[in-house]
Amino acid sequence: MKTRVVGEVMTSEVIQARREMSYKEVARLLHGHRISGVPVVDHDGKVLGVISETDLIRRQAAQAERGTGRRRFRIPALRRSARAAAAKARATTAQELMSTPAITVHPEQRVADAARVMERHRVERLPVVDEEDRLIGIATRRDLLRVFLRTDEEIRREVIDEVLTRAMSLPPHTEFVSVDDGMVKLEGRLEHRGDIPLVLRLTWRIDGVVGVVNGLTFRVDDSSSGLRRHQSLPNREQRGLGA
């Protein structure tokens, strides 16, 4: 099956920060390029962490709290949070501000897998790195959503060519496929009942598919219960199943 990978949708020209950059330099970088986050790299281009607008705001909030002179974190369980907040308030460089470790992906990973990583870690962007962890691109939520901008006709053609014709070895135009806003409807009759789940799974894997409506039927029930029923029928009824 042909599925799009991160390298096909990522942005190759990446705005990046050096670890020695100051707070204001980072803020100007984000504002000047109208971006909400930036990866931080070392002198070899290896990703060290990521700074987002949230990190900058959190630093300002921590500094404001520190400036009040209040001692709010007295409960032992909160001491770690207090220390982290104090460190964030004192942060002056990109290395001190960034969130670590950086959650990264490789260009050959599937877009769907990258989306799951993004959702699991609740991040807005994923630095794309090579085998040596050097930055080669950035994948944002908007980049990953490009796969859903495929036209219905592109999706329909791939279902026919890749799923029905290539994977299932069915003659062209045997089944009817329609697509409406990414929703695929499959109709027609397959030879075996057991082929239907496979067709549905393969269709779901196609980039841009948001749903699958199953209207497929079958000629032979090759499930264990179906086979037992088929074998127990009189010869006359068995002949009728093939009609």
Foldseek 3Di string as FASTA:
>chain_A
DDFAFQLVLFAQDFDAAEQAAWLVVVVCSCVVVVHFKHFYAYPVQATAFMAGVVLSVLLVVLLVVVVVVDDDQPDVVCVVVNVLSVQSVPDTTNNSSGDDDAAAAERGHGLVVVVVSCVVVVHFKHFYADPVRHGRGMGGPVSSCVLQVDDQVVLQVCLQVPQVCPVVVHDGPQWDWGADSQEIETEHEAAEPVCQVVSQVVSVNYGNHPYYHYHYHHLQYPDPVRVVVLVPDPPVVNVVSND
